[in-house]
Protein backbone atom coordinates (compact mmCIF):
# COMPACT_ATOMS: atom_id res chain seq x y z
CA UNK A 1 1.60 7.65 -5.89
CA UNK A 2 0.28 6.09 -2.69
CA UNK A 3 1.90 5.29 0.66
CA UNK A 4 3.80 2.00 0.84
CA UNK A 5 3.70 -0.48 3.69
CA UNK A 6 6.84 -0.30 5.80
CA UNK A 7 8.90 -3.37 6.62
CA UNK A 8 6.89 -5.97 4.69
CA UNK A 9 9.17 -9.02 4.64
CA UNK A 10 9.13 -11.87 2.09
CA UNK A 11 6.94 -14.64 3.44
CA UNK A 12 9.49 -17.30 2.46
CA UNK A 13 12.25 -15.65 4.46
CA UNK A 14 14.42 -18.34 6.10
CA UNK A 15 15.69 -16.19 8.94
CA UNK A 16 15.41 -16.55 12.69
CA UNK A 17 11.61 -16.31 12.70
CA UNK A 18 11.37 -19.22 10.28
CA UNK A 19 13.72 -21.19 12.54
CA UNK A 20 11.57 -20.41 15.57
CA UNK A 21 8.46 -21.54 13.69
CA UNK A 22 10.26 -24.77 12.77
CA UNK A 23 11.16 -25.30 16.41
CA UNK A 24 7.52 -24.72 17.34
CA UNK A 25 6.46 -27.33 14.78
CA UNK A 26 8.89 -29.89 16.21
CA UNK A 27 7.63 -29.20 19.74
CA UNK A 28 4.02 -29.43 18.55
CA UNK A 29 4.50 -32.86 17.01
CA UNK A 30 5.47 -34.23 20.43
CA UNK A 31 2.94 -32.40 22.54
CA UNK A 32 -0.74 -33.32 22.73
CA UNK A 33 -1.75 -29.83 23.87
CA UNK A 34 -0.03 -28.25 20.87
CA UNK A 35 -1.77 -30.60 18.47
CA UNK A 36 -5.00 -29.17 19.82
CA UNK A 37 -3.53 -25.72 19.22
CA UNK A 38 -3.62 -24.94 22.96
CA UNK A 39 -0.75 -23.04 24.55
CA UNK A 40 1.01 -24.77 27.49
CA UNK A 41 -0.36 -23.70 30.86
CA UNK A 42 1.63 -23.72 34.09
CA UNK A 43 0.41 -25.41 37.26
CA UNK A 44 -0.85 -22.22 38.90
CA UNK A 45 -4.58 -21.67 39.05
CA UNK A 46 -5.96 -19.62 36.20
CA UNK A 47 -9.31 -17.90 36.34
CA UNK A 48 -11.13 -17.14 33.12
CA UNK A 49 -11.90 -13.43 32.61
CA UNK A 50 -15.65 -14.01 32.51
CA UNK A 51 -18.15 -11.22 33.14
CA UNK A 52 -20.64 -11.67 35.96
CA UNK A 53 -23.80 -9.62 35.49
CA UNK A 54 -24.60 -7.37 38.39
CA UNK A 55 -28.19 -6.78 39.61
CA UNK A 56 -28.12 -3.30 38.02
CA UNK A 57 -26.86 -4.60 34.67
CA UNK A 58 -29.93 -3.38 32.74
CA UNK A 59 -29.61 0.10 34.25
CA UNK A 60 -26.02 0.31 33.04
CA UNK A 61 -26.64 -1.29 29.64
CA UNK A 62 -26.89 2.21 28.19
CA UNK A 63 -23.12 2.40 28.68
CA UNK A 64 -22.42 -0.55 26.39
CA UNK A 65 -20.49 0.86 23.41
CA UNK A 66 -22.57 1.09 20.24
CA UNK A 67 -21.65 -0.96 17.21
CA UNK A 68 -19.35 1.00 14.90
CA UNK A 69 -20.99 0.38 11.54
CA UNK A 70 -19.01 2.37 8.98
CA UNK A 71 -21.43 1.62 6.14
CA UNK A 72 -23.75 -1.23 5.18
CA UNK A 73 -22.01 -4.54 5.71
CA UNK A 74 -18.78 -3.01 7.07
CA UNK A 75 -18.27 -2.85 10.84
CA UNK A 76 -15.21 -1.95 12.92
CA UNK A 77 -13.63 -4.89 14.71
CA UNK A 78 -15.20 -7.55 12.48
CA UNK A 79 -14.68 -9.45 9.25
CA UNK A 80 -17.02 -9.13 6.25
CA UNK A 81 -16.89 -11.16 3.04
CA UNK A 82 -17.77 -10.29 -0.56
CA UNK A 83 -18.24 -13.29 -2.85
CA UNK A 84 -18.34 -13.30 -6.63
CA UNK A 85 -17.25 -15.18 -9.73
CA UNK A 86 -14.37 -13.97 -11.85
CA UNK A 87 -15.08 -11.01 -14.12
CA UNK A 88 -18.37 -9.88 -12.57
CA UNK A 89 -16.92 -6.71 -11.02
CA UNK A 90 -16.49 -7.73 -7.38
CA UNK A 91 -13.04 -6.11 -7.09
CA UNK A 92 -14.16 -2.91 -8.80
CA UNK A 93 -17.34 -2.57 -6.74
CA UNK A 94 -15.43 -3.35 -3.52
CA UNK A 95 -12.83 -0.73 -4.42
CA UNK A 96 -15.63 1.76 -5.09
CA UNK A 97 -17.03 1.00 -1.62
CA UNK A 98 -13.62 1.57 -0.02
CA UNK A 99 -13.19 4.90 -1.84
CA UNK A 100 -16.71 5.90 -0.75
CA UNK A 101 -15.72 5.39 2.89
CA UNK A 102 -12.48 7.35 2.43
CA UNK A 103 -14.21 10.36 0.85
CA UNK A 104 -17.37 10.15 2.96
CA UNK A 105 -19.69 9.99 -0.06
CA UNK A 106 -22.32 7.23 -0.61
CA UNK A 107 -21.02 6.17 -4.02
CA UNK A 108 -22.58 2.71 -3.60
CA UNK A 109 -25.93 4.04 -2.38
CA UNK A 110 -25.27 3.18 1.29
CA UNK A 111 -24.91 5.98 3.88
CA UNK A 112 -21.39 6.52 5.21
CA UNK A 113 -21.60 6.70 9.01
CA UNK A 114 -17.88 7.27 9.54
CA UNK A 115 -15.31 8.68 7.11
CA UNK A 116 -12.04 6.83 7.71
CA UNK A 117 -8.74 6.03 5.98
CA UNK A 118 -8.81 2.79 3.98
CA UNK A 119 -6.10 0.35 2.93
CA UNK A 120 -6.64 -1.65 -0.26
CA UNK A 121 -4.42 -4.76 -0.24
CA UNK A 122 -4.53 -6.34 -3.70
CA UNK A 123 -2.42 -9.42 -4.43
CA UNK A 124 -3.76 -9.90 -7.98
CA UNK A 125 -2.96 -6.58 -9.67
CA UNK A 126 0.21 -4.54 -9.87
CA UNK A 127 0.40 -1.04 -8.46
CA UNK A 128 -0.14 0.61 -11.85
CA UNK A 129 -3.41 -1.26 -12.40
CA UNK A 130 -4.62 -0.40 -8.89
CA UNK A 131 -3.80 3.26 -9.55
CA UNK A 132 -5.67 3.17 -12.87
CA UNK A 133 -8.81 1.82 -11.22
CA UNK A 134 -8.79 4.39 -8.44
CA UNK A 135 -8.04 7.23 -10.87
CA UNK A 136 -11.04 6.13 -12.92
CA UNK A 137 -13.30 6.18 -9.87
CA UNK A 138 -12.08 9.62 -8.79
CA UNK A 139 -12.48 11.09 -12.28
CA UNK A 140 -15.89 9.58 -13.01
CA UNK A 141 -17.33 10.69 -9.68
CA UNK A 142 -15.59 14.09 -9.80
CA UNK A 143 -13.87 13.59 -6.44
CA UNK A 144 -11.43 16.39 -5.58
CA UNK A 145 -8.01 15.77 -3.94
CA UNK A 146 -9.12 17.52 -0.75
CA UNK A 147 -11.79 14.84 -0.29
CA UNK A 148 -9.39 11.89 -0.20
CA UNK A 149 -6.05 13.36 0.91
CA UNK A 150 -4.12 10.84 3.08
CA UNK A 151 -7.16 8.54 3.37
CA UNK A 152 -6.65 6.15 0.41
CA UNK A 153 -3.76 3.73 0.93
CA UNK A 154 -2.95 0.93 -1.51
CA UNK A 155 -0.60 -2.03 -1.46
CA UNK A 156 0.08 -4.42 -4.34
CA UNK A 157 1.28 -7.94 -3.67
CA UNK A 158 1.52 -8.79 -7.36
CA UNK A 159 4.56 -11.00 -7.87
CA UNK A 160 5.18 -11.28 -4.11
CA UNK A 161 1.86 -11.78 -2.32
CA UNK A 162 1.34 -10.26 1.10
CA UNK A 163 0.53 -13.24 3.32
CA UNK A 164 -0.78 -12.98 6.86
CA UNK A 165 -0.90 -16.69 7.71
CA UNK A 166 1.24 -19.71 6.91
CA UNK A 167 0.76 -23.41 7.41
CA UNK A 168 3.58 -24.73 9.58
CA UNK A 169 2.58 -28.35 9.89
CA UNK A 170 -0.67 -30.17 9.28
CA UNK A 171 -3.39 -27.98 10.84
CA UNK A 172 -0.94 -25.63 12.60
CA UNK A 173 -1.22 -22.09 11.18
CA UNK A 174 0.84 -19.13 12.35
CA UNK A 175 0.95 -15.40 11.73
CA UNK A 176 3.70 -14.09 9.43
CA UNK A 177 6.06 -11.11 9.27
CA UNK A 178 3.51 -9.54 6.92
CA UNK A 179 0.81 -9.82 9.57
CA UNK A 180 2.92 -7.91 12.08
CA UNK A 181 3.84 -5.23 9.52
CA UNK A 182 0.19 -4.90 8.49
CA UNK A 183 -0.88 -4.56 12.12
CA UNK A 184 1.70 -1.80 12.70
CA UNK A 185 0.69 0.07 9.54
CA UNK A 186 -3.01 0.01 10.43
CA UNK A 187 -2.28 1.43 13.87
CA UNK A 188 0.17 4.07 12.62
CA UNK A 189 -2.12 5.40 9.89
CA UNK A 190 -5.40 4.91 11.77
CA UNK A 191 -6.82 2.69 9.01
CA UNK A 192 -10.56 2.14 9.45
CA UNK A 193 -11.20 -0.33 6.59
CA UNK A 194 -8.86 -3.00 5.27
CA UNK A 195 -9.90 -4.46 1.89
CA UNK A 196 -8.18 -7.76 1.03
CA UNK A 197 -8.34 -9.03 -2.56
CA UNK A 198 -8.52 -12.02 -2.78
CA UNK A 199 -8.73 -14.16 0.37
CA UNK A 200 -6.94 -17.16 -1.17
CA UNK A 201 -3.79 -15.07 -1.74
CA UNK A 202 -3.09 -14.21 1.92
CA UNK A 203 -2.49 -17.78 3.11
CA UNK A 204 -1.06 -21.09 1.88
CA UNK A 205 -3.44 -23.58 3.51
CA UNK A 206 -5.75 -25.99 1.71
CA UNK A 207 -8.90 -23.99 0.93
CA UNK A 208 -11.19 -26.97 1.58
CA UNK A 209 -9.74 -27.63 5.04
CA UNK A 210 -12.26 -26.14 7.47
CA UNK A 211 -9.92 -26.38 10.46
CA UNK A 212 -7.03 -24.67 8.69
CA UNK A 213 -9.17 -21.98 7.03
CA UNK A 214 -10.78 -21.23 10.39
CA UNK A 215 -7.32 -20.56 11.84
CA UNK A 216 -6.55 -18.17 8.98
CA UNK A 217 -9.83 -16.39 9.68
CA UNK A 218 -8.94 -16.23 13.37
CA UNK A 219 -5.86 -14.22 12.39
CA UNK A 220 -8.10 -11.77 10.52
CA UNK A 221 -10.46 -11.56 13.49
CA UNK A 222 -7.51 -10.94 15.82
CA UNK A 223 -6.29 -8.16 13.53
CA UNK A 224 -9.79 -6.63 13.46
CA UNK A 225 -10.23 -6.93 17.23
CA UNK A 226 -6.81 -5.57 18.19
CA UNK A 227 -6.81 -2.59 15.79
CA UNK A 228 -10.60 -2.00 15.51
CA UNK A 229 -10.24 -2.06 11.73
CA UNK A 230 -13.12 -3.35 9.60
CA UNK A 231 -11.75 -6.20 7.47
CA UNK A 232 -13.44 -6.83 4.10
CA UNK A 233 -12.34 -9.98 2.27
CA UNK A 234 -13.03 -10.68 -1.41
CA UNK A 235 -13.58 -14.35 -2.14
CA UNK A 236 -14.28 -16.48 -5.21
CA UNK A 237 -17.44 -18.51 -5.78
CA UNK A 238 -17.90 -22.12 -6.65
CA UNK A 239 -18.51 -22.89 -10.31
CA UNK A 240 -21.94 -21.47 -11.20
CA UNK A 241 -22.10 -22.23 -14.91
CA UNK A 242 -22.77 -19.46 -17.40
CA UNK A 243 -25.30 -17.54 -15.27
CA UNK A 244 -23.69 -16.17 -12.09
CA UNK A 245 -26.96 -14.47 -11.06
CA UNK A 246 -28.33 -17.80 -9.86
CA UNK A 247 -26.20 -17.46 -6.71
CA UNK A 248 -27.27 -13.86 -5.94
CA UNK A 249 -27.66 -13.54 -2.17
CA UNK A 250 -26.58 -17.14 -1.56
CA UNK A 251 -24.35 -17.18 1.54
CA UNK A 252 -23.29 -20.72 0.69
CA UNK A 253 -21.88 -19.81 -2.73
CA UNK A 254 -18.28 -19.21 -1.63
CA UNK A 255 -15.60 -21.60 -2.80
CA UNK A 256 -13.87 -23.98 -0.39
CA UNK A 257 -14.32 -24.35 3.36
CA UNK A 258 -17.46 -22.94 4.96
CA UNK A 259 -15.57 -21.62 8.01
CA UNK A 260 -14.89 -18.31 6.21
CA UNK A 261 -18.60 -17.72 5.65
CA UNK A 262 -19.44 -18.86 9.19
CA UNK A 263 -16.97 -16.38 10.74
CA UNK A 264 -18.11 -13.39 8.69
CA UNK A 265 -20.41 -10.88 10.36
CA UNK A 266 -21.83 -10.02 6.97
CA UNK A 267 -21.59 -11.55 3.52
CA UNK A 268 -22.59 -10.07 0.19
CA UNK A 269 -22.57 -11.49 -3.32
CA UNK A 270 -21.69 -9.77 -6.59
CA UNK A 271 -23.20 -11.33 -9.71
CA UNK A 272 -23.62 -10.34 -13.34
CA UNK A 273 -27.12 -9.86 -14.69
CA UNK A 274 -28.42 -13.16 -16.03
CA UNK A 275 -30.24 -13.80 -19.32
CA UNK A 276 -33.64 -14.22 -17.62
CA UNK A 277 -33.40 -10.83 -15.89
CA UNK A 278 -32.17 -9.14 -19.09
CA UNK A 279 -35.05 -10.60 -21.05
CA UNK A 280 -37.44 -9.46 -18.34
CA UNK A 281 -36.42 -5.78 -18.62
CA UNK A 282 -35.55 -5.70 -22.32
CA UNK A 283 -31.73 -5.59 -22.21
CA UNK A 284 -29.67 -7.02 -25.05
CA UNK A 285 -26.53 -9.07 -24.34
CA UNK A 286 -24.24 -6.03 -24.46
CA UNK A 287 -26.29 -4.11 -21.90
CA UNK A 288 -26.67 -7.21 -19.74
CA UNK A 289 -22.89 -7.71 -19.61
CA UNK A 290 -22.45 -4.17 -18.25
CA UNK A 291 -24.72 -4.68 -15.24
CA UNK A 292 -23.94 -6.42 -11.95
CA UNK A 293 -25.90 -6.68 -8.72
CA UNK A 294 -24.91 -6.75 -5.05
CA UNK A 295 -27.05 -8.74 -2.61
CA UNK A 296 -26.74 -9.30 1.13
CA UNK A 297 -26.52 -13.01 1.87
CA UNK A 298 -25.82 -12.75 5.59
CA UNK A 299 -26.03 -9.93 8.13
CA UNK A 300 -25.34 -10.65 11.80
CA UNK A 301 -25.54 -7.09 13.11
CA UNK A 302 -28.83 -5.92 11.64
CA UNK A 303 -31.67 -6.80 9.33
CA UNK A 304 -30.48 -7.93 5.93
CA UNK A 305 -31.61 -5.75 3.03
CA UNK A 306 -33.20 -8.16 0.56
CA UNK A 307 -33.19 -5.64 -2.28
CA UNK A 308 -30.43 -5.91 -4.88
CA UNK A 309 -28.23 -2.89 -5.62
CA UNK A 310 -27.43 -2.65 -9.33
CA UNK A 311 -24.29 -1.19 -10.89
CA UNK A 312 -23.52 -0.34 -14.51
CA UNK A 313 -19.93 -0.51 -15.73
CA UNK A 314 -18.90 2.77 -17.34
CA UNK A 315 -15.81 3.31 -19.50
CA UNK A 316 -13.60 6.17 -18.26
CA UNK A 317 -10.64 7.55 -20.23
CA UNK A 318 -7.61 8.47 -18.12
CA UNK A 319 -5.22 11.39 -18.83
CA UNK A 320 -2.59 8.87 -20.04
CA UNK A 321 -4.96 7.60 -22.73
CA UNK A 322 -5.90 4.32 -21.04
CA UNK A 323 -9.55 3.42 -20.52
CA UNK A 324 -10.82 1.66 -17.38
CA UNK A 325 -14.14 0.30 -16.23
CA UNK A 326 -15.79 2.10 -13.34
CA UNK A 327 -18.95 0.87 -11.57
CA UNK A 328 -21.72 3.41 -11.07
CA UNK A 329 -25.10 3.03 -9.38
CA UNK A 330 -27.87 2.01 -11.78
CA UNK A 331 -31.53 2.56 -10.92
CA UNK A 332 -33.45 -0.17 -12.75
CA UNK A 333 -36.57 0.07 -10.61
CA UNK A 334 -38.70 1.60 -13.37
CA UNK A 335 -37.70 -1.16 -15.80
CA UNK A 336 -38.60 -3.87 -13.33
CA UNK A 337 -41.87 -2.11 -12.52
CA UNK A 338 -42.83 -2.07 -16.22
CA UNK A 339 -41.95 -5.72 -16.71
CA UNK A 340 -45.02 -7.60 -17.93
CA UNK A 341 -43.61 -10.89 -16.67
CA UNK A 342 -43.31 -9.71 -13.09
CA UNK A 343 -45.42 -12.20 -11.12
CA UNK A 344 -47.45 -10.88 -8.20
CA UNK A 345 -46.45 -13.51 -5.68
CA UNK A 346 -48.99 -14.46 -3.04
CA UNK A 347 -49.41 -17.60 -0.99
CA UNK A 348 -51.82 -18.92 -3.63
CA UNK A 349 -49.61 -18.17 -6.66
CA UNK A 350 -46.64 -19.76 -4.90
CA UNK A 351 -48.69 -22.88 -4.16
CA UNK A 352 -49.90 -22.96 -7.78
CA UNK A 353 -46.31 -22.73 -9.01
CA UNK A 354 -45.27 -25.54 -6.68
CA UNK A 355 -48.16 -27.72 -7.86
CA UNK A 356 -46.92 -27.51 -11.45
CA UNK A 357 -43.51 -28.98 -10.60
CA UNK A 358 -44.30 -31.12 -7.55
CA UNK A 359 -43.11 -34.77 -7.65
CA UNK A 360 -46.50 -36.42 -7.19
CA UNK A 361 -45.08 -39.37 -5.26
CA UNK A 362 -43.98 -37.04 -2.47
CA UNK A 363 -45.97 -35.45 0.35
CA UNK A 364 -43.03 -33.73 2.04
CA UNK A 365 -39.92 -32.29 0.41
CA UNK A 366 -37.16 -29.87 1.41
CA UNK A 367 -37.18 -26.67 -0.58
CA UNK A 368 -33.50 -27.11 -1.46
CA UNK A 369 -34.49 -30.30 -3.31
CA UNK A 370 -37.02 -28.53 -5.51
CA UNK A 371 -35.50 -25.04 -5.65
CA UNK A 372 -33.79 -25.38 -9.04
CA UNK A 373 -37.04 -26.55 -10.66
CA UNK A 374 -38.90 -23.68 -8.99
CA UNK A 375 -36.28 -21.11 -10.08
CA UNK A 376 -36.05 -22.26 -13.68
CA UNK A 377 -39.80 -22.58 -14.12
CA UNK A 378 -40.39 -19.04 -12.88
CA UNK A 379 -37.18 -17.33 -14.11
CA UNK A 380 -36.16 -16.02 -10.71
CA UNK A 381 -32.96 -15.97 -8.68
CA UNK A 382 -32.07 -17.99 -5.60
CA UNK A 383 -32.66 -15.13 -3.16
CA UNK A 384 -36.13 -14.38 -4.55
CA UNK A 385 -37.03 -18.06 -4.52
CA UNK A 386 -35.98 -18.37 -0.90
CA UNK A 387 -38.04 -15.33 0.05
CA UNK A 388 -41.28 -16.07 -1.79
CA UNK A 389 -41.58 -19.65 -0.56
CA UNK A 390 -42.30 -18.26 2.92
CA UNK A 391 -45.47 -16.63 1.60
CA UNK A 392 -47.07 -20.05 1.85
CA UNK A 393 -48.75 -20.63 5.21
CA UNK A 394 -46.46 -21.69 8.03
CA UNK A 395 -49.41 -22.98 10.03
CA UNK A 396 -50.37 -26.59 9.29
CA UNK A 397 -53.77 -25.96 10.88
CA UNK A 398 -54.46 -23.19 8.35
CA UNK A 399 -52.65 -24.25 5.17
CA UNK A 400 -52.65 -22.46 1.83
CA UNK A 401 -55.37 -24.23 -0.19
CA UNK A 402 -55.54 -24.23 -3.97
CA UNK A 403 -57.80 -25.90 -6.52
CA UNK A 404 -56.17 -28.11 -9.14
CA UNK A 405 -58.27 -31.03 -10.32
CA UNK A 406 -58.87 -31.44 -6.60
CA UNK A 407 -58.13 -29.40 -3.51
CA UNK A 408 -54.51 -29.32 -2.36
CA UNK A 409 -53.13 -27.93 0.90
CA UNK A 410 -49.62 -26.50 1.11
CA UNK A 411 -47.72 -25.32 4.17
CA UNK A 412 -44.05 -24.84 5.10
CA UNK A 413 -42.10 -25.53 8.27
CA UNK A 414 -38.61 -24.87 9.57
CA UNK A 415 -37.05 -26.77 12.47
CA UNK A 416 -34.34 -24.21 13.27
CA UNK A 417 -33.18 -20.83 12.03
CA UNK A 418 -30.42 -22.27 9.83
CA UNK A 419 -32.43 -25.29 8.70
CA UNK A 420 -33.89 -25.38 5.18
CA UNK A 421 -37.59 -24.85 4.63
CA UNK A 422 -39.66 -28.03 4.37
CA UNK A 423 -42.70 -27.96 2.08
CA UNK A 424 -45.75 -30.09 2.86
CA UNK A 425 -48.44 -31.08 0.34
CA UNK A 426 -51.72 -32.85 1.06
CA UNK A 427 -54.55 -33.68 -1.30
CA UNK A 428 -58.03 -33.01 0.11
CA UNK A 429 -60.99 -35.01 -1.11
CA UNK A 430 -64.16 -33.01 -1.77
C-alpha cells in the first residue's frame, strides 16, 4: 500500500560490517582516545573550521538562512520529542500531525508552513495496523488521494525493529546498516519529516545511561543535519499514577536519561484529561477518556505556546468493517469559560493559596518542594502551577502582601533560567 524502505538489513547481521565493528571495539579497548570517543588524529596541524565575524557581519546578517519551521514544534535539521504515557493517544496524534504536513492542512490546529513528504517509522505496530490508522485519518478528515499522493511513506519494524544505533562496547555506540539505508531513503524521496515511534525501539543501549543515550541522539542529530529532515521522536513517560494530566507540559516527564530531552529543540507532552479537569467542565468518565491534550514543554526556536490543544478521539469505520480511533481537534474553550471553579489568579490569590499550605517553620522554600500540595489543593496541572506562581512579585523590595491573622509578604526569585523558582515568605508585625 505504501512505499517500502530499500535495503534495510537485519540489525543482528553477523557479516563483514559486524566484524569491522568488533575490530573497532577491540582497538577502542586499548586506546585512550577511543575510550573518549575521539577519532585518531595524525601529527599534522589541524585548524578548526571556526567562523570569524567580519566588521560588516551585521550588514550581512540578512543573508543568514531563515529557520525552516515546518509546523509548530517541527523544524528541518533538528530533533523534536513528543512524550506521553501509554494509551493516551500520543502515536495517533503524532501520526495526525505527520499526515497534516503531508497534505498541507492544519489538522492539529497549527499552520503548515511547508508541505513535505513524511516517513512514519513505527516499530510497535505491523503494517496493517499503520494502514488502518492512516486510512481512518484520511476518511474522517475527507482527504482526497490527490492531496497526499507520494507524500505519505510508512515503515513497520514490528517483529524486526529498525535500529539506527547499536551499543558496541560499554559507552561506544555506532550507526547501523539501518541508519545508512534510512539516510539514503530520506535523500532519495526528499522526506521532510521523519516520525519515529518509539525512541526506545531504535537502539539497544541502557535507557538510563546519559552518555550512551546522548550518543544515540547524536546519530539522530547527524541524520537531521545531513539530510535536513525534521526528526520527531515519540517517547514514553515515567510512571505518573492514574492521572497522566499531572505531567502536562512537564519537560522533565520523559522516562530514562535526560540527554534526550536536553538535545531536543522542542518537546511536547500528550496527556489524557484528568478527573479534576473533567469535573471542572462537567464531563463524565466516558467523555473524559476520549479527550487528550497536547502541551509544549520546551521550545528552543521560538516562544512556547502555553495553551493546551485538546483532541477528542472519534471512532471511524473502515471499508473493511474495522473501526479505528482518530483524533480530531476539540474546542473546549467555552466549557472552561463557563466553569464556576475557574480561579481568577492574581498575585494576591496566589499568595493566599500559598499561605494555606505553607509549612510554617519555613521562610524560604523551592516551588518544586511545595508544588504537589499547591496543585492538589487548587486542582490544577503542573504547567498551570508553574505559570501562576510567577504572578507573585519578583521584587523583594515590593513583595506581594496579604492579610492573614497578620500581614505576610511573599516574593519569588530565580537564580538562573533553568533553576527552579524559590518562594520567600516573611511575616510583618503591625
